[in-house]
Amino acid sequence: MKNIFKSALLVATMFAFSVERVLADSNGVYTPYEPHTPVDTGLENSAIFYIGALVFFVLGLATLSTAKILKEKLSK
């Protein structure tokens, strides 16, 4: 059984390495399709999302720690 899995893994690995990568830009090769241009979403700078995520994470931790402290005080 182990040999079957090893053989299947070897075949899959060999196939994965022999397949050519497909690039959206066609990498200078002639193609009838235009090159891929990403859709402008207006989110080029995502720093505001990271800041928001950090704020909500800290607020969540503060809420959990406050609830834990209040639970300990009320259980006494």
N, C-alpha and C. Protein backbone atom coordinates (compact mmCIF):
# COMPACT_ATOMS: atom_id res chain seq x y z
N MET A 1 0.82 -1.20 0.00
CA MET A 1 0.00 0.00 0.00
C MET A 1 0.87 1.26 0.00
N LYS A 2 1.97 1.20 0.77
CA LYS A 2 2.87 2.36 0.82
C LYS A 2 3.49 2.61 -0.55
N ASN A 3 3.80 1.54 -1.27
CA ASN A 3 4.40 1.70 -2.59
C ASN A 3 3.44 2.36 -3.56
N ILE A 4 2.15 2.07 -3.43
CA ILE A 4 1.16 2.69 -4.31
C ILE A 4 1.10 4.19 -4.05
N PHE A 5 1.09 4.57 -2.76
CA PHE A 5 1.05 6.00 -2.42
C PHE A 5 2.32 6.70 -2.88
N LYS A 6 3.45 6.06 -2.69
CA LYS A 6 4.71 6.66 -3.12
C LYS A 6 4.75 6.82 -4.64
N SER A 7 4.27 5.81 -5.34
CA SER A 7 4.25 5.89 -6.81
C SER A 7 3.30 6.98 -7.28
N ALA A 8 2.13 7.07 -6.65
CA ALA A 8 1.17 8.11 -7.04
C ALA A 8 1.74 9.50 -6.75
N LEU A 9 2.40 9.65 -5.61
CA LEU A 9 3.02 10.93 -5.27
C LEU A 9 4.13 11.27 -6.25
N LEU A 10 4.93 10.29 -6.64
CA LEU A 10 6.00 10.51 -7.60
C LEU A 10 5.43 10.94 -8.96
N VAL A 11 4.38 10.27 -9.41
CA VAL A 11 3.78 10.62 -10.70
C VAL A 11 3.19 12.02 -10.64
N ALA A 12 2.49 12.36 -9.55
CA ALA A 12 1.90 13.69 -9.41
C ALA A 12 2.99 14.76 -9.37
N THR A 13 4.09 14.49 -8.69
CA THR A 13 5.18 15.45 -8.61
C THR A 13 5.83 15.65 -9.98
N MET A 14 6.08 14.56 -10.68
CA MET A 14 6.68 14.67 -12.01
C MET A 14 5.75 15.44 -12.96
N PHE A 15 4.45 15.18 -12.87
CA PHE A 15 3.50 15.89 -13.72
C PHE A 15 3.48 17.38 -13.37
N ALA A 16 3.53 17.70 -12.07
CA ALA A 16 3.48 19.10 -11.64
C ALA A 16 4.70 19.87 -12.13
N PHE A 17 5.86 19.22 -12.15
CA PHE A 17 7.07 19.91 -12.60
C PHE A 17 7.15 20.01 -14.11
N SER A 18 6.46 19.14 -14.83
CA SER A 18 6.57 19.17 -16.29
C SER A 18 5.52 20.08 -16.92
N VAL A 19 4.53 20.53 -16.17
CA VAL A 19 3.50 21.40 -16.71
C VAL A 19 4.03 22.82 -16.79
N GLU A 20 3.81 23.47 -17.95
CA GLU A 20 4.26 24.85 -18.11
C GLU A 20 3.32 25.78 -17.36
N ARG A 21 3.89 26.83 -16.84
CA ARG A 21 3.07 27.82 -16.13
C ARG A 21 2.36 28.71 -17.14
N VAL A 22 1.14 29.06 -16.83
CA VAL A 22 0.35 29.93 -17.70
C VAL A 22 0.32 31.30 -17.05
N LEU A 23 0.79 32.30 -17.78
CA LEU A 23 0.83 33.66 -17.26
C LEU A 23 -0.26 34.49 -17.92
N ALA A 24 -0.86 35.36 -17.15
CA ALA A 24 -1.93 36.20 -17.69
C ALA A 24 -1.38 37.22 -18.69
N ASP A 25 -0.12 37.59 -18.55
CA ASP A 25 0.46 38.59 -19.44
C ASP A 25 0.99 37.98 -20.73
N SER A 26 1.01 36.69 -20.84
CA SER A 26 1.55 35.92 -21.96
C SER A 26 3.06 36.08 -22.08
N ASN A 27 3.65 36.88 -21.22
CA ASN A 27 5.11 36.98 -21.09
C ASN A 27 5.80 37.21 -22.42
N GLY A 28 5.26 38.09 -23.25
CA GLY A 28 5.91 38.44 -24.50
C GLY A 28 5.61 37.50 -25.65
N VAL A 29 4.86 36.44 -25.40
CA VAL A 29 4.51 35.50 -26.45
C VAL A 29 3.24 36.00 -27.13
N TYR A 30 3.16 35.83 -28.45
CA TYR A 30 1.96 36.30 -29.16
C TYR A 30 0.73 35.54 -28.69
N THR A 31 -0.31 36.28 -28.45
CA THR A 31 -1.59 35.69 -28.09
C THR A 31 -2.69 36.61 -28.62
N PRO A 32 -3.81 36.06 -29.04
CA PRO A 32 -4.89 36.91 -29.56
C PRO A 32 -5.59 37.70 -28.45
N TYR A 33 -5.29 37.41 -27.21
CA TYR A 33 -5.96 38.08 -26.09
C TYR A 33 -5.13 39.25 -25.59
N GLU A 34 -5.82 40.25 -25.09
CA GLU A 34 -5.12 41.40 -24.52
C GLU A 34 -4.51 41.01 -23.17
N PRO A 35 -3.45 41.71 -22.76
CA PRO A 35 -2.86 41.39 -21.47
C PRO A 35 -3.83 41.68 -20.33
N HIS A 36 -3.64 40.96 -19.24
CA HIS A 36 -4.52 41.11 -18.08
C HIS A 36 -4.28 42.46 -17.42
N THR A 37 -5.34 43.22 -17.22
CA THR A 37 -5.25 44.47 -16.47
C THR A 37 -6.18 44.35 -15.27
N PRO A 38 -5.64 44.47 -14.07
CA PRO A 38 -6.47 44.32 -12.88
C PRO A 38 -7.53 45.41 -12.79
N VAL A 39 -8.66 45.07 -12.20
CA VAL A 39 -9.75 46.02 -12.03
C VAL A 39 -9.37 46.98 -10.91
N ASP A 40 -9.55 48.27 -11.17
CA ASP A 40 -9.24 49.28 -10.15
C ASP A 40 -10.30 49.25 -9.07
N THR A 41 -9.91 48.86 -7.88
CA THR A 41 -10.85 48.78 -6.77
C THR A 41 -10.76 49.98 -5.84
N GLY A 42 -9.73 50.77 -6.00
CA GLY A 42 -9.54 51.91 -5.11
C GLY A 42 -8.93 51.53 -3.78
N LEU A 43 -8.45 50.30 -3.66
CA LEU A 43 -7.86 49.84 -2.41
C LEU A 43 -6.36 49.57 -2.57
N GLU A 44 -5.67 50.51 -3.20
CA GLU A 44 -4.24 50.32 -3.41
C GLU A 44 -3.48 50.32 -2.09
N ASN A 45 -3.95 51.14 -1.17
CA ASN A 45 -3.29 51.21 0.12
C ASN A 45 -4.20 50.57 1.16
N SER A 46 -3.84 49.38 1.60
CA SER A 46 -4.69 48.65 2.53
C SER A 46 -4.27 48.85 3.99
N ALA A 47 -3.46 49.85 4.26
CA ALA A 47 -2.99 50.08 5.63
C ALA A 47 -4.15 50.39 6.56
N ILE A 48 -5.18 51.07 6.07
CA ILE A 48 -6.31 51.41 6.93
C ILE A 48 -7.02 50.15 7.42
N PHE A 49 -7.04 49.09 6.61
CA PHE A 49 -7.65 47.84 7.05
C PHE A 49 -6.83 47.18 8.15
N TYR A 50 -5.51 47.24 8.03
CA TYR A 50 -4.66 46.66 9.07
C TYR A 50 -4.80 47.43 10.37
N ILE A 51 -4.89 48.74 10.28
CA ILE A 51 -5.07 49.55 11.48
C ILE A 51 -6.43 49.25 12.11
N GLY A 52 -7.47 49.16 11.29
CA GLY A 52 -8.79 48.82 11.80
C GLY A 52 -8.82 47.44 12.44
N ALA A 53 -8.18 46.49 11.81
CA ALA A 53 -8.13 45.13 12.37
C ALA A 53 -7.40 45.12 13.70
N LEU A 54 -6.33 45.87 13.81
CA LEU A 54 -5.59 45.95 15.07
C LEU A 54 -6.43 46.59 16.16
N VAL A 55 -7.14 47.65 15.82
CA VAL A 55 -8.00 48.32 16.81
C VAL A 55 -9.09 47.37 17.30
N PHE A 56 -9.76 46.69 16.37
CA PHE A 56 -10.83 45.76 16.77
C PHE A 56 -10.28 44.57 17.56
N PHE A 57 -9.08 44.11 17.22
CA PHE A 57 -8.46 43.02 17.96
C PHE A 57 -8.17 43.44 19.40
N VAL A 58 -7.61 44.64 19.57
CA VAL A 58 -7.31 45.13 20.92
C VAL A 58 -8.60 45.37 21.70
N LEU A 59 -9.62 45.92 21.05
CA LEU A 59 -10.91 46.10 21.72
C LEU A 59 -11.52 44.76 22.13
N GLY A 60 -11.39 43.77 21.31
CA GLY A 60 -11.90 42.44 21.64
C GLY A 60 -11.18 41.84 22.83
N LEU A 61 -9.85 41.97 22.84
CA LEU A 61 -9.08 41.47 23.98
C LEU A 61 -9.44 42.22 25.26
N ALA A 62 -9.63 43.52 25.16
CA ALA A 62 -10.00 44.31 26.33
C ALA A 62 -11.38 43.89 26.83
N THR A 63 -12.31 43.63 25.93
CA THR A 63 -13.65 43.19 26.32
C THR A 63 -13.59 41.84 27.02
N LEU A 64 -12.82 40.92 26.48
CA LEU A 64 -12.70 39.61 27.10
C LEU A 64 -12.04 39.68 28.47
N SER A 65 -11.00 40.48 28.59
CA SER A 65 -10.34 40.58 29.90
C SER A 65 -11.23 41.27 30.91
N THR A 66 -11.99 42.27 30.49
CA THR A 66 -12.94 42.94 31.40
C THR A 66 -14.02 41.97 31.84
N ALA A 67 -14.54 41.18 30.92
CA ALA A 67 -15.57 40.20 31.28
C ALA A 67 -15.02 39.17 32.25
N LYS A 68 -13.79 38.75 32.06
CA LYS A 68 -13.17 37.77 32.96
C LYS A 68 -13.00 38.36 34.34
N ILE A 69 -12.54 39.60 34.43
CA ILE A 69 -12.34 40.25 35.73
C ILE A 69 -13.68 40.43 36.44
N LEU A 70 -14.71 40.89 35.72
CA LEU A 70 -16.02 41.07 36.32
C LEU A 70 -16.63 39.74 36.78
N LYS A 71 -16.41 38.69 36.01
CA LYS A 71 -16.93 37.37 36.38
C LYS A 71 -16.26 36.89 37.68
N GLU A 72 -14.96 37.11 37.80
CA GLU A 72 -14.25 36.70 39.02
C GLU A 72 -14.74 37.50 40.23
N LYS A 73 -15.00 38.80 40.04
CA LYS A 73 -15.47 39.63 41.16
C LYS A 73 -16.88 39.26 41.57
N LEU A 74 -17.74 38.94 40.60
CA LEU A 74 -19.11 38.62 40.90
C LEU A 74 -19.25 37.22 41.51
N SER A 75 -18.32 36.31 41.22
CA SER A 75 -18.43 34.97 41.75
C SER A 75 -17.98 34.86 43.20
N LYS A 76 -17.34 35.90 43.74
CA LYS A 76 -16.85 35.85 45.13
C LYS A 76 -17.95 36.14 46.10
